[in-house]
């Protein structure tokens, strides 16, 4: 099943090119209350005003690293710079689909001049405990788009990642190409996953990523019915040989980056933490740091 899902989470159709081969350096080695993933409201009786759980790093500190020298542990040459404070007024959305009243806005990047990019991780195939340590040590912000079929009974792993302030979005139940399918099918895939995320994690996400980046107006209508307000695509994608781009040859301020929960069997022997380290090096080399997407949209 994992191999079948890998064949298309990103990189095909409207999602951008696929790289081949591997060139990843090794790094050093009860039902909760519903939580809105828009407001980020925490479970009753705990949390912060920004909606992050009490143990999560603040937006300003999230990329500074929880432990001095942690970047060396994970094979980085220097710490990941802390992002700017979240903007007091969120920047305009760089909409892809012409905005229609009542339908989610489709975005591929954020219209900001800040030297920040946004990391998103899809599906949930790999559940590497070392990645939890890496996220904690580096204070790495990202958004998780989860798919039920590959997670099964392992939602606690993603709950742990959310405790560091990393929000969760909807990526359907079984990862089909939604474009062209009837409303009932799309509604089942999208709303079904909303129900799973509510039942398993107590969440009501507002962000949706369509599998393969493929969608149509029916997708937007079904997503709206399910309470989703933004469809998040991407401009850059992390492949085994490095970042690839839908256009141009480098990162731009406000780019959304797609990566996946992947392990050695799907990364030609590299681990997920190797992949993340390689990606962060590229981000640093291009003069950017990583910010939390929900602070900007």
C-alpha atoms as a PDB file:
ATOM      1  CA  UNK A   1       0.000   0.000   0.000  1.00  0.00           C
ATOM      2  CA  UNK A   2       2.792   2.420   0.921  1.00  0.00           C
ATOM      3  CA  UNK A   3       4.438   2.024  -2.463  1.00  0.00           C
ATOM      4  CA  UNK A   4       1.164   2.644  -4.230  1.00  0.00           C
ATOM      5  CA  UNK A   5       0.591   5.862  -2.301  1.00  0.00           C
ATOM      6  CA  UNK A   6       4.127   7.089  -2.972  1.00  0.00           C
ATOM      7  CA  UNK A   7       3.423   6.888  -6.672  1.00  0.00           C
ATOM      8  CA  UNK A   8       1.453  10.031  -6.556  1.00  0.00           C
ATOM      9  CA  UNK A   9       1.195  12.212  -3.481  1.00  0.00           C
ATOM     10  CA  UNK A  10       2.989  14.991  -5.313  1.00  0.00           C
ATOM     11  CA  UNK A  11       4.969  15.681  -8.401  1.00  0.00           C
ATOM     12  CA  UNK A  12       2.539  14.597 -11.097  1.00  0.00           C
ATOM     13  CA  UNK A  13      -0.349  16.293 -12.826  1.00  0.00           C
ATOM     14  CA  UNK A  14      -0.460  19.891 -11.615  1.00  0.00           C
ATOM     15  CA  UNK A  15       1.972  19.284  -8.800  1.00  0.00           C
ATOM     16  CA  UNK A  16       5.328  19.655 -10.537  1.00  0.00           C
ATOM     17  CA  UNK A  17       8.270  17.535 -11.737  1.00  0.00           C
ATOM     18  CA  UNK A  18       9.621  14.398 -10.111  1.00  0.00           C
ATOM     19  CA  UNK A  19      13.296  13.866  -9.416  1.00  0.00           C
ATOM     20  CA  UNK A  20      14.860  10.396  -9.494  1.00  0.00           C
ATOM     21  CA  UNK A  21      17.596   8.665  -7.542  1.00  0.00           C
ATOM     22  CA  UNK A  22      18.920   9.524  -4.115  1.00  0.00           C
ATOM     23  CA  UNK A  23      21.481  12.087  -3.047  1.00  0.00           C
ATOM     24  CA  UNK A  24      20.631  12.674   0.586  1.00  0.00           C
ATOM     25  CA  UNK A  25      23.516  13.162   3.035  1.00  0.00           C
ATOM     26  CA  UNK A  26      23.299  11.305   6.343  1.00  0.00           C
ATOM     27  CA  UNK A  27      22.669  13.393   9.421  1.00  0.00           C
ATOM     28  CA  UNK A  28      24.304  12.675  12.774  1.00  0.00           C
ATOM     29  CA  UNK A  29      22.233  10.691  14.463  1.00  0.00           C
ATOM     30  CA  UNK A  30     -10.388   9.873  26.245  1.00  0.00           C
ATOM     31  CA  UNK A  31     -11.779  11.819  23.126  1.00  0.00           C
ATOM     32  CA  UNK A  32     -10.263  15.308  23.316  1.00  0.00           C
ATOM     33  CA  UNK A  33     -12.246  18.483  22.859  1.00  0.00           C
ATOM     34  CA  UNK A  34     -12.511  19.601  19.254  1.00  0.00           C
ATOM     35  CA  UNK A  35      -9.770  22.021  18.273  1.00  0.00           C
ATOM     36  CA  UNK A  36     -10.134  24.369  15.338  1.00  0.00           C
ATOM     37  CA  UNK A  37      -7.076  24.221  13.117  1.00  0.00           C
ATOM     38  CA  UNK A  38      -7.892  27.742  11.937  1.00  0.00           C
ATOM     39  CA  UNK A  39      -8.046  29.489  15.263  1.00  0.00           C
ATOM     40  CA  UNK A  40      -5.884  26.774  16.766  1.00  0.00           C
ATOM     41  CA  UNK A  41      -7.981  26.923  19.924  1.00  0.00           C
ATOM     42  CA  UNK A  42      -6.416  24.487  22.387  1.00  0.00           C
ATOM     43  CA  UNK A  43      -8.240  21.799  24.339  1.00  0.00           C
ATOM     44  CA  UNK A  44     -10.263  23.112  27.240  1.00  0.00           C
ATOM     45  CA  UNK A  45      -8.228  24.376  30.151  1.00  0.00           C
ATOM     46  CA  UNK A  46      -4.839  24.627  28.461  1.00  0.00           C
ATOM     47  CA  UNK A  47      -2.859  26.251  25.707  1.00  0.00           C
ATOM     48  CA  UNK A  48      -1.902  29.738  24.602  1.00  0.00           C
ATOM     49  CA  UNK A  49      -3.718  32.620  23.003  1.00  0.00           C
ATOM     50  CA  UNK A  50      -2.152  31.764  19.636  1.00  0.00           C
ATOM     51  CA  UNK A  51      -3.694  28.328  19.878  1.00  0.00           C
ATOM     52  CA  UNK A  52      -0.462  26.356  20.238  1.00  0.00           C
ATOM     53  CA  UNK A  53      -0.357  23.686  22.951  1.00  0.00           C
ATOM     54  CA  UNK A  54       1.417  24.784  26.130  1.00  0.00           C
ATOM     55  CA  UNK A  55       4.570  22.782  25.289  1.00  0.00           C
ATOM     56  CA  UNK A  56       4.865  24.199  21.780  1.00  0.00           C
ATOM     57  CA  UNK A  57       7.523  26.762  20.889  1.00  0.00           C
ATOM     58  CA  UNK A  58       6.354  30.265  20.137  1.00  0.00           C
ATOM     59  CA  UNK A  59       6.260  31.388  16.522  1.00  0.00           C
ATOM     60  CA  UNK A  60       9.329  33.550  17.044  1.00  0.00           C
ATOM     61  CA  UNK A  61      11.297  30.813  18.786  1.00  0.00           C
ATOM     62  CA  UNK A  62      10.092  27.859  16.713  1.00  0.00           C
ATOM     63  CA  UNK A  63      13.107  27.696  14.413  1.00  0.00           C
ATOM     64  CA  UNK A  64      15.706  28.787  16.962  1.00  0.00           C
ATOM     65  CA  UNK A  65      16.207  25.267  18.325  1.00  0.00           C
ATOM     66  CA  UNK A  66      15.239  23.890  21.708  1.00  0.00           C
ATOM     67  CA  UNK A  67      18.799  22.866  22.592  1.00  0.00           C
ATOM     68  CA  UNK A  68      22.055  24.731  22.078  1.00  0.00           C
ATOM     69  CA  UNK A  69      24.051  22.990  19.386  1.00  0.00           C
ATOM     70  CA  UNK A  70      21.114  20.815  18.301  1.00  0.00           C
ATOM     71  CA  UNK A  71      21.752  21.726  14.685  1.00  0.00           C
ATOM     72  CA  UNK A  72      25.101  19.896  14.867  1.00  0.00           C
ATOM     73  CA  UNK A  73      23.362  16.734  16.026  1.00  0.00           C
ATOM     74  CA  UNK A  74      21.248  16.793  12.894  1.00  0.00           C
ATOM     75  CA  UNK A  75      24.032  17.544  10.448  1.00  0.00           C
ATOM     76  CA  UNK A  76      23.452  21.261   9.885  1.00  0.00           C
ATOM     77  CA  UNK A  77      26.339  23.716   9.640  1.00  0.00           C
ATOM     78  CA  UNK A  78      24.475  26.433  11.526  1.00  0.00           C
ATOM     79  CA  UNK A  79      21.200  26.862  13.393  1.00  0.00           C
ATOM     80  CA  UNK A  80      18.008  27.418  11.460  1.00  0.00           C
ATOM     81  CA  UNK A  81      17.315  31.133  11.869  1.00  0.00           C
ATOM     82  CA  UNK A  82      14.246  32.129  13.820  1.00  0.00           C
ATOM     83  CA  UNK A  83      11.530  33.543  11.538  1.00  0.00           C
ATOM     84  CA  UNK A  84      10.256  37.104  11.943  1.00  0.00           C
ATOM     85  CA  UNK A  85       7.409  37.685  14.354  1.00  0.00           C
ATOM     86  CA  UNK A  86       4.081  36.738  12.739  1.00  0.00           C
ATOM     87  CA  UNK A  87       2.713  39.670  10.726  1.00  0.00           C
ATOM     88  CA  UNK A  88       0.199  41.803  12.589  1.00  0.00           C
ATOM     89  CA  UNK A  89      -1.896  41.846   9.417  1.00  0.00           C
ATOM     90  CA  UNK A  90      -1.793  38.680   7.374  1.00  0.00           C
ATOM     91  CA  UNK A  91      -0.610  39.286   3.793  1.00  0.00           C
ATOM     92  CA  UNK A  92      -2.897  38.823   0.793  1.00  0.00           C
ATOM     93  CA  UNK A  93      -3.317  35.253  -0.394  1.00  0.00           C
ATOM     94  CA  UNK A  94      -1.711  34.613  -3.765  1.00  0.00           C
ATOM     95  CA  UNK A  95      -4.807  32.840  -5.035  1.00  0.00           C
ATOM     96  CA  UNK A  96      -4.487  30.315  -7.863  1.00  0.00           C
ATOM     97  CA  UNK A  97      -8.163  29.655  -8.509  1.00  0.00           C
ATOM     98  CA  UNK A  98     -10.214  32.856  -8.970  1.00  0.00           C
ATOM     99  CA  UNK A  99     -11.707  33.407  -5.503  1.00  0.00           C
ATOM    100  CA  UNK A 100     -15.411  32.580  -5.377  1.00  0.00           C
ATOM    101  CA  UNK A 101     -17.582  33.581  -2.448  1.00  0.00           C
ATOM    102  CA  UNK A 102     -18.357  30.569  -0.309  1.00  0.00           C
ATOM    103  CA  UNK A 103     -15.589  28.370  -1.756  1.00  0.00           C
ATOM    104  CA  UNK A 104     -12.100  27.765  -0.343  1.00  0.00           C
ATOM    105  CA  UNK A 105      -9.239  29.908  -1.608  1.00  0.00           C
ATOM    106  CA  UNK A 106      -6.576  27.944  -3.497  1.00  0.00           C
ATOM    107  CA  UNK A 107      -2.989  29.016  -2.795  1.00  0.00           C
ATOM    108  CA  UNK A 108       0.472  27.888  -3.884  1.00  0.00           C
ATOM    109  CA  UNK A 109       2.501  30.520  -2.018  1.00  0.00           C
ATOM    110  CA  UNK A 110       2.020  33.486   0.299  1.00  0.00           C
ATOM    111  CA  UNK A 111       2.458  37.069  -0.900  1.00  0.00           C
ATOM    112  CA  UNK A 112       5.136  38.150   1.586  1.00  0.00           C
ATOM    113  CA  UNK A 113       8.520  39.812   1.300  1.00  0.00           C
ATOM    114  CA  UNK A 114       9.800  38.042   4.425  1.00  0.00           C
ATOM    115  CA  UNK A 115      12.644  35.643   3.674  1.00  0.00           C
ATOM    116  CA  UNK A 116      10.579  32.695   4.827  1.00  0.00           C
ATOM    117  CA  UNK A 117       9.232  29.517   3.269  1.00  0.00           C
ATOM    118  CA  UNK A 118       6.639  27.119   4.626  1.00  0.00           C
ATOM    119  CA  UNK A 119       7.114  23.375   5.052  1.00  0.00           C
ATOM    120  CA  UNK A 120       4.221  20.961   4.579  1.00  0.00           C
ATOM    121  CA  UNK A 121       4.407  17.190   5.084  1.00  0.00           C
ATOM    122  CA  UNK A 122       1.900  14.853   3.452  1.00  0.00           C
ATOM    123  CA  UNK A 123       0.272  11.493   4.056  1.00  0.00           C
ATOM    124  CA  UNK A 124       1.754   9.773   7.151  1.00  0.00           C
ATOM    125  CA  UNK A 125       3.420   6.666   5.713  1.00  0.00           C
ATOM    126  CA  UNK A 126       6.620   6.980   7.790  1.00  0.00           C
ATOM    127  CA  UNK A 127       6.388   7.315  11.570  1.00  0.00           C
ATOM    128  CA  UNK A 128      10.052   7.661  12.485  1.00  0.00           C
ATOM    129  CA  UNK A 129      10.578   8.369  16.219  1.00  0.00           C
ATOM    130  CA  UNK A 130      13.841  10.141  15.361  1.00  0.00           C
ATOM    131  CA  UNK A 131      11.878  12.745  13.407  1.00  0.00           C
ATOM    132  CA  UNK A 132      10.016  13.673  16.595  1.00  0.00           C
ATOM    133  CA  UNK A 133      13.400  14.292  18.229  1.00  0.00           C
ATOM    134  CA  UNK A 134      14.564  16.331  15.242  1.00  0.00           C
ATOM    135  CA  UNK A 135      11.444  18.504  15.308  1.00  0.00           C
ATOM    136  CA  UNK A 136      11.857  19.080  19.038  1.00  0.00           C
ATOM    137  CA  UNK A 137      15.584  19.830  18.835  1.00  0.00           C
ATOM    138  CA  UNK A 138      15.340  22.220  15.890  1.00  0.00           C
ATOM    139  CA  UNK A 139      11.983  23.773  16.778  1.00  0.00           C
ATOM    140  CA  UNK A 140      10.943  23.014  13.199  1.00  0.00           C
ATOM    141  CA  UNK A 141       7.531  24.425  12.158  1.00  0.00           C
ATOM    142  CA  UNK A 142       5.457  22.634   9.520  1.00  0.00           C
ATOM    143  CA  UNK A 143       1.889  21.697   8.616  1.00  0.00           C
ATOM    144  CA  UNK A 144       0.843  18.039   8.442  1.00  0.00           C
ATOM    145  CA  UNK A 145      -1.683  16.953   5.798  1.00  0.00           C
ATOM    146  CA  UNK A 146      -2.827  13.519   6.940  1.00  0.00           C
ATOM    147  CA  UNK A 147      -4.366  10.594   5.047  1.00  0.00           C
ATOM    148  CA  UNK A 148      -6.253   7.985   7.030  1.00  0.00           C
ATOM    149  CA  UNK A 149      -5.459   4.915   4.918  1.00  0.00           C
ATOM    150  CA  UNK A 150      -1.712   4.985   5.637  1.00  0.00           C
ATOM    151  CA  UNK A 151      -2.024   6.073   9.274  1.00  0.00           C
ATOM    152  CA  UNK A 152      -4.469   3.480  10.558  1.00  0.00           C
ATOM    153  CA  UNK A 153      -4.220   3.233  14.329  1.00  0.00           C
ATOM    154  CA  UNK A 154      -1.126   5.418  14.651  1.00  0.00           C
ATOM    155  CA  UNK A 155      -2.596   8.901  15.066  1.00  0.00           C
ATOM    156  CA  UNK A 156      -0.806   9.307  18.400  1.00  0.00           C
ATOM    157  CA  UNK A 157       2.444   9.818  16.485  1.00  0.00           C
ATOM    158  CA  UNK A 158       1.003  12.856  14.727  1.00  0.00           C
ATOM    159  CA  UNK A 159      -0.568  14.068  17.938  1.00  0.00           C
ATOM    160  CA  UNK A 160       2.970  14.196  19.386  1.00  0.00           C
ATOM    161  CA  UNK A 161       4.153  16.303  16.454  1.00  0.00           C
ATOM    162  CA  UNK A 162       1.227  18.663  16.956  1.00  0.00           C
ATOM    163  CA  UNK A 163       2.271  19.179  20.583  1.00  0.00           C
ATOM    164  CA  UNK A 164       5.231  21.148  19.207  1.00  0.00           C
ATOM    165  CA  UNK A 165       2.798  23.551  17.506  1.00  0.00           C
ATOM    166  CA  UNK A 166       2.622  21.817  14.112  1.00  0.00           C
ATOM    167  CA  UNK A 167      -0.946  22.018  12.883  1.00  0.00           C
ATOM    168  CA  UNK A 168      -2.858  19.357  10.968  1.00  0.00           C
ATOM    169  CA  UNK A 169      -4.794  19.540   7.704  1.00  0.00           C
ATOM    170  CA  UNK A 170      -6.961  17.176   5.650  1.00  0.00           C
ATOM    171  CA  UNK A 171      -5.496  14.985   2.859  1.00  0.00           C
ATOM    172  CA  UNK A 172      -8.521  12.666   2.270  1.00  0.00           C
ATOM    173  CA  UNK A 173      -9.228   9.144   3.437  1.00  0.00           C
ATOM    174  CA  UNK A 174      -7.559   7.123   0.666  1.00  0.00           C
ATOM    175  CA  UNK A 175      -5.641   9.583  -1.559  1.00  0.00           C
ATOM    176  CA  UNK A 176      -7.578   9.399  -4.847  1.00  0.00           C
ATOM    177  CA  UNK A 177      -7.289  11.876  -7.703  1.00  0.00           C
ATOM    178  CA  UNK A 178     -10.438  13.861  -6.965  1.00  0.00           C
ATOM    179  CA  UNK A 179     -10.690  15.898 -10.173  1.00  0.00           C
ATOM    180  CA  UNK A 180     -13.550  14.689 -12.357  1.00  0.00           C
ATOM    181  CA  UNK A 181     -15.203  12.553  -9.673  1.00  0.00           C
ATOM    182  CA  UNK A 182     -18.812  13.142  -8.648  1.00  0.00           C
ATOM    183  CA  UNK A 183     -19.728  15.246  -5.630  1.00  0.00           C
ATOM    184  CA  UNK A 184     -20.700  12.269  -3.452  1.00  0.00           C
ATOM    185  CA  UNK A 185     -17.325  10.581  -3.936  1.00  0.00           C
ATOM    186  CA  UNK A 186     -15.378  13.745  -3.209  1.00  0.00           C
ATOM    187  CA  UNK A 187     -17.576  14.591  -0.241  1.00  0.00           C
ATOM    188  CA  UNK A 188     -16.990  11.122   1.222  1.00  0.00           C
ATOM    189  CA  UNK A 189     -13.205  11.364   0.864  1.00  0.00           C
ATOM    190  CA  UNK A 190     -12.930  14.858   2.291  1.00  0.00           C
ATOM    191  CA  UNK A 191     -15.628  14.889   4.969  1.00  0.00           C
ATOM    192  CA  UNK A 192     -14.759  11.334   5.934  1.00  0.00           C
ATOM    193  CA  UNK A 193     -11.251  12.446   6.827  1.00  0.00           C
ATOM    194  CA  UNK A 194     -12.617  15.477   8.680  1.00  0.00           C
ATOM    195  CA  UNK A 195     -14.630  13.074  10.826  1.00  0.00           C
ATOM    196  CA  UNK A 196     -11.599  10.858  11.436  1.00  0.00           C
ATOM    197  CA  UNK A 197      -9.463  13.833  12.490  1.00  0.00           C
ATOM    198  CA  UNK A 198     -12.238  14.971  14.812  1.00  0.00           C
ATOM    199  CA  UNK A 199     -12.738  11.525  16.322  1.00  0.00           C
ATOM    200  CA  UNK A 200      -9.050  10.617  16.665  1.00  0.00           C
ATOM    201  CA  UNK A 201      -7.474  13.985  17.468  1.00  0.00           C
ATOM    202  CA  UNK A 202     -10.347  16.284  18.407  1.00  0.00           C
ATOM    203  CA  UNK A 203      -9.602  18.623  15.495  1.00  0.00           C
ATOM    204  CA  UNK A 204     -11.647  20.594  12.988  1.00  0.00           C
ATOM    205  CA  UNK A 205      -9.074  21.451  10.300  1.00  0.00           C
ATOM    206  CA  UNK A 206      -9.604  24.354   7.924  1.00  0.00           C
ATOM    207  CA  UNK A 207      -6.775  23.531   5.484  1.00  0.00           C
ATOM    208  CA  UNK A 208      -7.081  20.928   2.715  1.00  0.00           C
ATOM    209  CA  UNK A 209      -4.573  19.479   0.283  1.00  0.00           C
ATOM    210  CA  UNK A 210      -6.005  17.515  -2.645  1.00  0.00           C
ATOM    211  CA  UNK A 211      -4.002  14.404  -3.568  1.00  0.00           C
ATOM    212  CA  UNK A 212      -1.603  14.986  -6.474  1.00  0.00           C
ATOM    213  CA  UNK A 213      -2.569  18.680  -6.309  1.00  0.00           C
ATOM    214  CA  UNK A 214      -5.517  17.860  -8.595  1.00  0.00           C
ATOM    215  CA  UNK A 215      -8.925  19.445  -7.990  1.00  0.00           C
ATOM    216  CA  UNK A 216     -11.928  20.927  -9.760  1.00  0.00           C
ATOM    217  CA  UNK A 217     -14.850  23.126  -8.776  1.00  0.00           C
ATOM    218  CA  UNK A 218     -16.645  20.091  -7.343  1.00  0.00           C
ATOM    219  CA  UNK A 219     -13.638  19.556  -5.054  1.00  0.00           C
ATOM    220  CA  UNK A 220     -13.954  23.102  -3.775  1.00  0.00           C
ATOM    221  CA  UNK A 221     -17.692  22.712  -3.264  1.00  0.00           C
ATOM    222  CA  UNK A 222     -17.227  19.480  -1.319  1.00  0.00           C
ATOM    223  CA  UNK A 223     -14.396  20.989   0.742  1.00  0.00           C
ATOM    224  CA  UNK A 224     -16.585  23.977   1.606  1.00  0.00           C
ATOM    225  CA  UNK A 225     -19.370  21.648   2.745  1.00  0.00           C
ATOM    226  CA  UNK A 226     -16.835  19.933   5.003  1.00  0.00           C
ATOM    227  CA  UNK A 227     -15.784  23.193   6.666  1.00  0.00           C
ATOM    228  CA  UNK A 228     -12.472  23.640   4.848  1.00  0.00           C
ATOM    229  CA  UNK A 229     -11.546  27.216   3.935  1.00  0.00           C
ATOM    230  CA  UNK A 230      -8.215  27.025   2.109  1.00  0.00           C
ATOM    231  CA  UNK A 231      -6.784  24.591  -0.422  1.00  0.00           C
ATOM    232  CA  UNK A 232      -3.003  24.499  -0.008  1.00  0.00           C
ATOM    233  CA  UNK A 233      -0.904  23.534  -3.031  1.00  0.00           C
ATOM    234  CA  UNK A 234       2.865  24.107  -3.373  1.00  0.00           C
ATOM    235  CA  UNK A 235       5.519  25.702  -5.543  1.00  0.00           C
ATOM    236  CA  UNK A 236       8.543  23.628  -4.472  1.00  0.00           C
ATOM    237  CA  UNK A 237       8.805  19.912  -3.734  1.00  0.00           C
ATOM    238  CA  UNK A 238      11.454  17.917  -1.883  1.00  0.00           C
ATOM    239  CA  UNK A 239      12.641  14.989  -4.000  1.00  0.00           C
ATOM    240  CA  UNK A 240      15.480  12.502  -3.318  1.00  0.00           C
ATOM    241  CA  UNK A 241      17.969  14.679  -5.227  1.00  0.00           C
ATOM    242  CA  UNK A 242      16.789  17.929  -3.646  1.00  0.00           C
ATOM    243  CA  UNK A 243      14.244  20.659  -4.170  1.00  0.00           C
ATOM    244  CA  UNK A 244      12.458  20.932  -7.519  1.00  0.00           C
ATOM    245  CA  UNK A 245      10.292  23.856  -8.611  1.00  0.00           C
ATOM    246  CA  UNK A 246       7.157  24.400 -10.621  1.00  0.00           C
ATOM    247  CA  UNK A 247       8.834  27.410 -12.212  1.00  0.00           C
ATOM    248  CA  UNK A 248      12.244  29.042 -12.017  1.00  0.00           C
ATOM    249  CA  UNK A 249      15.232  27.492 -10.333  1.00  0.00           C
ATOM    250  CA  UNK A 250      15.090  28.633  -6.732  1.00  0.00           C
ATOM    251  CA  UNK A 251      12.981  29.529  -3.733  1.00  0.00           C
ATOM    252  CA  UNK A 252      10.982  32.743  -3.507  1.00  0.00           C
ATOM    253  CA  UNK A 253       9.678  34.484  -0.376  1.00  0.00           C
ATOM    254  CA  UNK A 254       6.469  32.844   0.768  1.00  0.00           C
ATOM    255  CA  UNK A 255       6.948  29.568  -1.118  1.00  0.00           C
ATOM    256  CA  UNK A 256       5.086  26.528   0.158  1.00  0.00           C
ATOM    257  CA  UNK A 257       7.263  23.401   0.068  1.00  0.00           C
ATOM    258  CA  UNK A 258       5.843  19.898  -0.256  1.00  0.00           C
ATOM    259  CA  UNK A 259       7.596  16.982   1.424  1.00  0.00           C
ATOM    260  CA  UNK A 260       6.322  13.619   2.673  1.00  0.00           C
ATOM    261  CA  UNK A 261       6.517  11.307   5.646  1.00  0.00           C
ATOM    262  CA  UNK A 262       8.991   8.885   4.062  1.00  0.00           C
ATOM    263  CA  UNK A 263      11.492   6.277   5.221  1.00  0.00           C
ATOM    264  CA  UNK A 264      14.473   4.344   3.809  1.00  0.00           C
ATOM    265  CA  UNK A 265      12.362   1.998   1.703  1.00  0.00           C
ATOM    266  CA  UNK A 266      10.994   4.980  -0.225  1.00  0.00           C
ATOM    267  CA  UNK A 267      14.122   7.175  -0.096  1.00  0.00           C
ATOM    268  CA  UNK A 268      16.640   4.701  -1.489  1.00  0.00           C
ATOM    269  CA  UNK A 269      18.049   4.031   1.962  1.00  0.00           C
ATOM    270  CA  UNK A 270      17.988   7.563   3.372  1.00  0.00           C
ATOM    271  CA  UNK A 271      15.985   8.251   6.506  1.00  0.00           C
ATOM    272  CA  UNK A 272      13.330  10.886   6.987  1.00  0.00           C
ATOM    273  CA  UNK A 273      15.683  12.912   9.171  1.00  0.00           C
ATOM    274  CA  UNK A 274      18.320  12.743   6.415  1.00  0.00           C
ATOM    275  CA  UNK A 275      15.752  14.140   3.988  1.00  0.00           C
ATOM    276  CA  UNK A 276      14.765  16.962   6.330  1.00  0.00           C
ATOM    277  CA  UNK A 277      18.414  17.886   6.975  1.00  0.00           C
ATOM    278  CA  UNK A 278      19.151  17.974   3.244  1.00  0.00           C
ATOM    279  CA  UNK A 279      16.138  20.195   2.620  1.00  0.00           C
ATOM    280  CA  UNK A 280      17.011  22.587   5.451  1.00  0.00           C
ATOM    281  CA  UNK A 281      20.529  22.951   4.076  1.00  0.00           C
ATOM    282  CA  UNK A 282      19.114  23.994   0.705  1.00  0.00           C
ATOM    283  CA  UNK A 283      16.757  26.461   2.374  1.00  0.00           C
ATOM    284  CA  UNK A 284      19.625  27.997   4.357  1.00  0.00           C
ATOM    285  CA  UNK A 285      21.933  28.142   1.345  1.00  0.00           C
ATOM    286  CA  UNK A 286      19.307  30.176  -0.511  1.00  0.00           C
ATOM    287  CA  UNK A 287      19.016  32.648   2.356  1.00  0.00           C
ATOM    288  CA  UNK A 288      15.669  31.572   3.817  1.00  0.00           C
ATOM    289  CA  UNK A 289      14.304  30.145   7.027  1.00  0.00           C
ATOM    290  CA  UNK A 290      11.121  28.217   7.824  1.00  0.00           C
ATOM    291  CA  UNK A 291       8.033  29.882   9.300  1.00  0.00           C
ATOM    292  CA  UNK A 292       4.674  28.524  10.368  1.00  0.00           C
ATOM    293  CA  UNK A 293       2.179  28.666   7.500  1.00  0.00           C
ATOM    294  CA  UNK A 294      -0.778  29.313   9.792  1.00  0.00           C
ATOM    295  CA  UNK A 295       0.907  32.499  11.059  1.00  0.00           C
ATOM    296  CA  UNK A 296       0.597  33.956   7.548  1.00  0.00           C
ATOM    297  CA  UNK A 297      -2.726  32.659   6.206  1.00  0.00           C
END
